[in-house]
Amino acid sequence: MNHSIYQIDIGHLLLAFIPVILVAGIFFRWGIGLSSTIQGLIRMVLQLLLIGYALTYI
């Protein structure tokens, strides 16, 4: 079994955030506000990090 972890470089990570920026722009234009969008984004990233570490441990 291969126990290596795939490393994502910063360029690919920034590419993944392009749709997030577009959605944040739409939310801002609709008047929903950026605070709830940023709070949701932070929560999403933390959950993905935690599940990633848990799956790596398993």
PDB file of N, CA and C in Angstrom:
ATOM      1  N   MET A   1       0.845  -1.179   0.000  1.00  0.00           N
ATOM      2  CA  MET A   1       0.000   0.000   0.000  1.00  0.00           C
ATOM      3  C   MET A   1       0.890   1.241   0.000  1.00  0.00           C
ATOM      4  N   ASN A   2       0.499   2.211  -0.769  1.00  0.00           N
ATOM      5  CA  ASN A   2       1.249   3.465  -0.865  1.00  0.00           C
ATOM      6  C   ASN A   2       0.774   4.417   0.231  1.00  0.00           C
ATOM      7  N   HIS A   3       1.688   4.863   1.085  1.00  0.00           N
ATOM      8  CA  HIS A   3       1.329   5.718   2.208  1.00  0.00           C
ATOM      9  C   HIS A   3       1.727   7.175   1.984  1.00  0.00           C
ATOM     10  N   SER A   4       1.878   7.590   0.733  1.00  0.00           N
ATOM     11  CA  SER A   4       2.256   8.970   0.470  1.00  0.00           C
ATOM     12  C   SER A   4       1.026   9.878   0.476  1.00  0.00           C
ATOM     13  N   ILE A   5       1.259  11.113   0.823  1.00  0.00           N
ATOM     14  CA  ILE A   5       0.196  12.120   0.864  1.00  0.00           C
ATOM     15  C   ILE A   5       0.389  13.042  -0.319  1.00  0.00           C
ATOM     16  N   TYR A   6      -0.672  13.310  -1.047  1.00  0.00           N
ATOM     17  CA  TYR A   6      -0.612  14.193  -2.199  1.00  0.00           C
ATOM     18  C   TYR A   6      -0.573  15.638  -1.722  1.00  0.00           C
ATOM     19  N   GLN A   7       0.444  16.367  -2.137  1.00  0.00           N
ATOM     20  CA  GLN A   7       0.596  17.771  -1.769  1.00  0.00           C
ATOM     21  C   GLN A   7      -0.020  18.658  -2.856  1.00  0.00           C
ATOM     22  N   ILE A   8      -0.837  19.612  -2.452  1.00  0.00           N
ATOM     23  CA  ILE A   8      -1.452  20.553  -3.384  1.00  0.00           C
ATOM     24  C   ILE A   8      -0.668  21.855  -3.305  1.00  0.00           C
ATOM     25  N   ASP A   9      -0.130  22.291  -4.443  1.00  0.00           N
ATOM     26  CA  ASP A   9       0.615  23.549  -4.410  1.00  0.00           C
ATOM     27  C   ASP A   9      -0.339  24.742  -4.362  1.00  0.00           C
ATOM     28  N   ILE A  10       0.184  25.881  -4.005  1.00  0.00           N
ATOM     29  CA  ILE A  10      -0.634  27.070  -3.754  1.00  0.00           C
ATOM     30  C   ILE A  10      -1.339  27.556  -5.023  1.00  0.00           C
ATOM     31  N   GLY A  11      -0.733  27.356  -6.179  1.00  0.00           N
ATOM     32  CA  GLY A  11      -1.367  27.775  -7.432  1.00  0.00           C
ATOM     33  C   GLY A  11      -2.649  27.020  -7.714  1.00  0.00           C
ATOM     34  N   HIS A  12      -2.624  25.711  -7.511  1.00  0.00           N
ATOM     35  CA  HIS A  12      -3.833  24.909  -7.720  1.00  0.00           C
ATOM     36  C   HIS A  12      -4.886  25.220  -6.661  1.00  0.00           C
ATOM     37  N   LEU A  13      -4.443  25.506  -5.457  1.00  0.00           N
ATOM     38  CA  LEU A  13      -5.392  25.859  -4.408  1.00  0.00           C
ATOM     39  C   LEU A  13      -6.089  27.182  -4.727  1.00  0.00           C
ATOM     40  N   LEU A  14      -5.345  28.139  -5.229  1.00  0.00           N
ATOM     41  CA  LEU A  14      -5.953  29.419  -5.609  1.00  0.00           C
ATOM     42  C   LEU A  14      -6.908  29.253  -6.784  1.00  0.00           C
ATOM     43  N   LEU A  15      -6.588  28.350  -7.691  1.00  0.00           N
ATOM     44  CA  LEU A  15      -7.499  28.070  -8.807  1.00  0.00           C
ATOM     45  C   LEU A  15      -8.828  27.517  -8.309  1.00  0.00           C
ATOM     46  N   ALA A  16      -8.783  26.732  -7.247  1.00  0.00           N
ATOM     47  CA  ALA A  16     -10.012  26.152  -6.698  1.00  0.00           C
ATOM     48  C   ALA A  16     -10.884  27.208  -6.045  1.00  0.00           C
ATOM     49  N   PHE A  17     -10.308  28.343  -5.658  1.00  0.00           N
ATOM     50  CA  PHE A  17     -11.080  29.378  -4.990  1.00  0.00           C
ATOM     51  C   PHE A  17     -11.711  30.383  -5.960  1.00  0.00           C
ATOM     52  N   ILE A  18     -11.498  30.227  -7.256  1.00  0.00           N
ATOM     53  CA  ILE A  18     -12.129  31.119  -8.234  1.00  0.00           C
ATOM     54  C   ILE A  18     -13.657  31.026  -8.162  1.00  0.00           C
ATOM     55  N   PRO A  19     -14.252  29.824  -8.130  1.00  0.00           N
ATOM     56  CA  PRO A  19     -15.717  29.772  -7.991  1.00  0.00           C
ATOM     57  C   PRO A  19     -16.203  30.373  -6.680  1.00  0.00           C
ATOM     58  N   VAL A  20     -15.419  30.243  -5.617  1.00  0.00           N
ATOM     59  CA  VAL A  20     -15.801  30.818  -4.325  1.00  0.00           C
ATOM     60  C   VAL A  20     -15.849  32.338  -4.428  1.00  0.00           C
ATOM     61  N   ILE A  21     -14.896  32.917  -5.111  1.00  0.00           N
ATOM     62  CA  ILE A  21     -14.866  34.369  -5.287  1.00  0.00           C
ATOM     63  C   ILE A  21     -16.062  34.824  -6.114  1.00  0.00           C
ATOM     64  N   LEU A  22     -16.409  34.057  -7.149  1.00  0.00           N
ATOM     65  CA  LEU A  22     -17.575  34.405  -7.971  1.00  0.00           C
ATOM     66  C   LEU A  22     -18.866  34.355  -7.156  1.00  0.00           C
ATOM     67  N   VAL A  23     -19.031  33.318  -6.347  1.00  0.00           N
ATOM     68  CA  VAL A  23     -20.232  33.198  -5.521  1.00  0.00           C
ATOM     69  C   VAL A  23     -20.279  34.309  -4.475  1.00  0.00           C
ATOM     70  N   ALA A  24     -19.125  34.646  -3.882  1.00  0.00           N
ATOM     71  CA  ALA A  24     -19.079  35.740  -2.911  1.00  0.00           C
ATOM     72  C   ALA A  24     -19.481  37.059  -3.575  1.00  0.00           C
ATOM     73  N   GLY A  25     -19.068  37.252  -4.821  1.00  0.00           N
ATOM     74  CA  GLY A  25     -19.473  38.455  -5.550  1.00  0.00           C
ATOM     75  C   GLY A  25     -20.970  38.496  -5.802  1.00  0.00           C
ATOM     76  N   ILE A  26     -21.557  37.350  -6.130  1.00  0.00           N
ATOM     77  CA  ILE A  26     -23.008  37.287  -6.339  1.00  0.00           C
ATOM     78  C   ILE A  26     -23.743  37.566  -5.036  1.00  0.00           C
ATOM     79  N   PHE A  27     -23.279  36.963  -3.932  1.00  0.00           N
ATOM     80  CA  PHE A  27     -23.909  37.210  -2.636  1.00  0.00           C
ATOM     81  C   PHE A  27     -23.827  38.679  -2.255  1.00  0.00           C
ATOM     82  N   PHE A  28     -22.684  39.302  -2.518  1.00  0.00           N
ATOM     83  CA  PHE A  28     -22.519  40.716  -2.192  1.00  0.00           C
ATOM     84  C   PHE A  28     -23.475  41.569  -3.024  1.00  0.00           C
ATOM     85  N   ARG A  29     -23.621  41.213  -4.297  1.00  0.00           N
ATOM     86  CA  ARG A  29     -24.519  41.971  -5.175  1.00  0.00           C
ATOM     87  C   ARG A  29     -25.984  41.801  -4.762  1.00  0.00           C
ATOM     88  N   TRP A  30     -26.353  40.635  -4.274  1.00  0.00           N
ATOM     89  CA  TRP A  30     -27.714  40.385  -3.811  1.00  0.00           C
ATOM     90  C   TRP A  30     -27.984  41.011  -2.459  1.00  0.00           C
ATOM     91  N   GLY A  31     -26.960  41.487  -1.804  1.00  0.00           N
ATOM     92  CA  GLY A  31     -27.141  42.143  -0.520  1.00  0.00           C
ATOM     93  C   GLY A  31     -27.116  41.197   0.674  1.00  0.00           C
ATOM     94  N   ILE A  32     -26.665  39.977   0.456  1.00  0.00           N
ATOM     95  CA  ILE A  32     -26.613  39.010   1.556  1.00  0.00           C
ATOM     96  C   ILE A  32     -25.491  39.368   2.521  1.00  0.00           C
ATOM     97  N   GLY A  33     -24.417  39.907   2.026  1.00  0.00           N
ATOM     98  CA  GLY A  33     -23.311  40.315   2.880  1.00  0.00           C
ATOM     99  C   GLY A  33     -22.145  39.359   2.805  1.00  0.00           C
ATOM    100  N   LEU A  34     -20.976  39.899   3.016  1.00  0.00           N
ATOM    101  CA  LEU A  34     -19.788  39.076   2.926  1.00  0.00           C
ATOM    102  C   LEU A  34     -19.457  38.364   4.228  1.00  0.00           C
ATOM    103  N   SER A  35     -19.985  38.847   5.348  1.00  0.00           N
ATOM    104  CA  SER A  35     -19.617  38.222   6.622  1.00  0.00           C
ATOM    105  C   SER A  35     -20.122  36.781   6.700  1.00  0.00           C
ATOM    106  N   SER A  36     -21.348  36.540   6.279  1.00  0.00           N
ATOM    107  CA  SER A  36     -21.861  35.168   6.306  1.00  0.00           C
ATOM    108  C   SER A  36     -21.154  34.301   5.275  1.00  0.00           C
ATOM    109  N   THR A  37     -20.779  34.874   4.147  1.00  0.00           N
ATOM    110  CA  THR A  37     -20.059  34.136   3.121  1.00  0.00           C
ATOM    111  C   THR A  37     -18.676  33.740   3.614  1.00  0.00           C
ATOM    112  N   ILE A  38     -17.981  34.668   4.233  1.00  0.00           N
ATOM    113  CA  ILE A  38     -16.644  34.379   4.745  1.00  0.00           C
ATOM    114  C   ILE A  38     -16.714  33.388   5.898  1.00  0.00           C
ATOM    115  N   GLN A  39     -17.709  33.517   6.750  1.00  0.00           N
ATOM    116  CA  GLN A  39     -17.884  32.566   7.846  1.00  0.00           C
ATOM    117  C   GLN A  39     -18.127  31.157   7.298  1.00  0.00           C
ATOM    118  N   GLY A  40     -18.956  31.033   6.298  1.00  0.00           N
ATOM    119  CA  GLY A  40     -19.204  29.734   5.673  1.00  0.00           C
ATOM    120  C   GLY A  40     -17.967  29.182   4.992  1.00  0.00           C
ATOM    121  N   LEU A  41     -17.193  30.040   4.365  1.00  0.00           N
ATOM    122  CA  LEU A  41     -15.962  29.622   3.699  1.00  0.00           C
ATOM    123  C   LEU A  41     -14.948  29.089   4.707  1.00  0.00           C
ATOM    124  N   ILE A  42     -14.788  29.789   5.810  1.00  0.00           N
ATOM    125  CA  ILE A  42     -13.851  29.346   6.847  1.00  0.00           C
ATOM    126  C   ILE A  42     -14.299  28.011   7.430  1.00  0.00           C
ATOM    127  N   ARG A  43     -15.590  27.881   7.679  1.00  0.00           N
ATOM    128  CA  ARG A  43     -16.126  26.623   8.213  1.00  0.00           C
ATOM    129  C   ARG A  43     -15.896  25.478   7.232  1.00  0.00           C
ATOM    130  N   MET A  44     -16.126  25.723   5.943  1.00  0.00           N
ATOM    131  CA  MET A  44     -15.933  24.704   4.930  1.00  0.00           C
ATOM    132  C   MET A  44     -14.483  24.246   4.868  1.00  0.00           C
ATOM    133  N   VAL A  45     -13.561  25.194   4.870  1.00  0.00           N
ATOM    134  CA  VAL A  45     -12.144  24.850   4.780  1.00  0.00           C
ATOM    135  C   VAL A  45     -11.702  24.063   6.009  1.00  0.00           C
ATOM    136  N   LEU A  46     -12.140  24.475   7.185  1.00  0.00           N
ATOM    137  CA  LEU A  46     -11.772  23.753   8.402  1.00  0.00           C
ATOM    138  C   LEU A  46     -12.325  22.326   8.398  1.00  0.00           C
ATOM    139  N   GLN A  47     -13.570  22.158   7.957  1.00  0.00           N
ATOM    140  CA  GLN A  47     -14.152  20.823   7.902  1.00  0.00           C
ATOM    141  C   GLN A  47     -13.405  19.937   6.908  1.00  0.00           C
ATOM    142  N   LEU A  48     -13.039  20.492   5.758  1.00  0.00           N
ATOM    143  CA  LEU A  48     -12.301  19.710   4.771  1.00  0.00           C
ATOM    144  C   LEU A  48     -10.918  19.336   5.277  1.00  0.00           C
ATOM    145  N   LEU A  49     -10.269  20.248   5.987  1.00  0.00           N
ATOM    146  CA  LEU A  49      -8.960  19.938   6.562  1.00  0.00           C
ATOM    147  C   LEU A  49      -9.064  18.834   7.608  1.00  0.00           C
ATOM    148  N   LEU A  50     -10.046  18.938   8.485  1.00  0.00           N
ATOM    149  CA  LEU A  50     -10.211  17.932   9.527  1.00  0.00           C
ATOM    150  C   LEU A  50     -10.524  16.547   8.956  1.00  0.00           C
ATOM    151  N   ILE A  51     -11.414  16.477   7.983  1.00  0.00           N
ATOM    152  CA  ILE A  51     -11.746  15.182   7.398  1.00  0.00           C
ATOM    153  C   ILE A  51     -10.573  14.641   6.591  1.00  0.00           C
ATOM    154  N   GLY A  52      -9.798  15.525   5.981  1.00  0.00           N
ATOM    155  CA  GLY A  52      -8.597  15.095   5.264  1.00  0.00           C
ATOM    156  C   GLY A  52      -7.584  14.474   6.197  1.00  0.00           C
ATOM    157  N   TYR A  53      -7.346  15.108   7.334  1.00  0.00           N
ATOM    158  CA  TYR A  53      -6.412  14.552   8.315  1.00  0.00           C
ATOM    159  C   TYR A  53      -6.947  13.249   8.904  1.00  0.00           C
ATOM    160  N   ALA A  54      -8.249  13.172   9.139  1.00  0.00           N
ATOM    161  CA  ALA A  54      -8.831  11.942   9.674  1.00  0.00           C
ATOM    162  C   ALA A  54      -8.685  10.793   8.679  1.00  0.00           C
ATOM    163  N   LEU A  55      -8.936  11.062   7.403  1.00  0.00           N
ATOM    164  CA  LEU A  55      -8.790  10.018   6.393  1.00  0.00           C
ATOM    165  C   LEU A  55      -7.330   9.623   6.198  1.00  0.00           C
ATOM    166  N   THR A  56      -6.415  10.574   6.344  1.00  0.00           N
ATOM    167  CA  THR A  56      -4.991  10.248   6.262  1.00  0.00           C
ATOM    168  C   THR A  56      -4.585   9.345   7.419  1.00  0.00           C
ATOM    169  N   TYR A  57      -5.146   9.596   8.582  1.00  0.00           N
ATOM    170  CA  TYR A  57      -4.840   8.785   9.760  1.00  0.00           C
ATOM    171  C   TYR A  57      -5.349   7.357   9.592  1.00  0.00           C
ATOM    172  N   ILE A  58      -6.535   7.226   9.014  1.00  0.00           N
ATOM    173  CA  ILE A  58      -7.140   5.908   8.809  1.00  0.00           C
ATOM    174  C   ILE A  58      -6.344   5.148   7.781  1.00  0.00           C
TER     175      ILE A  58
END
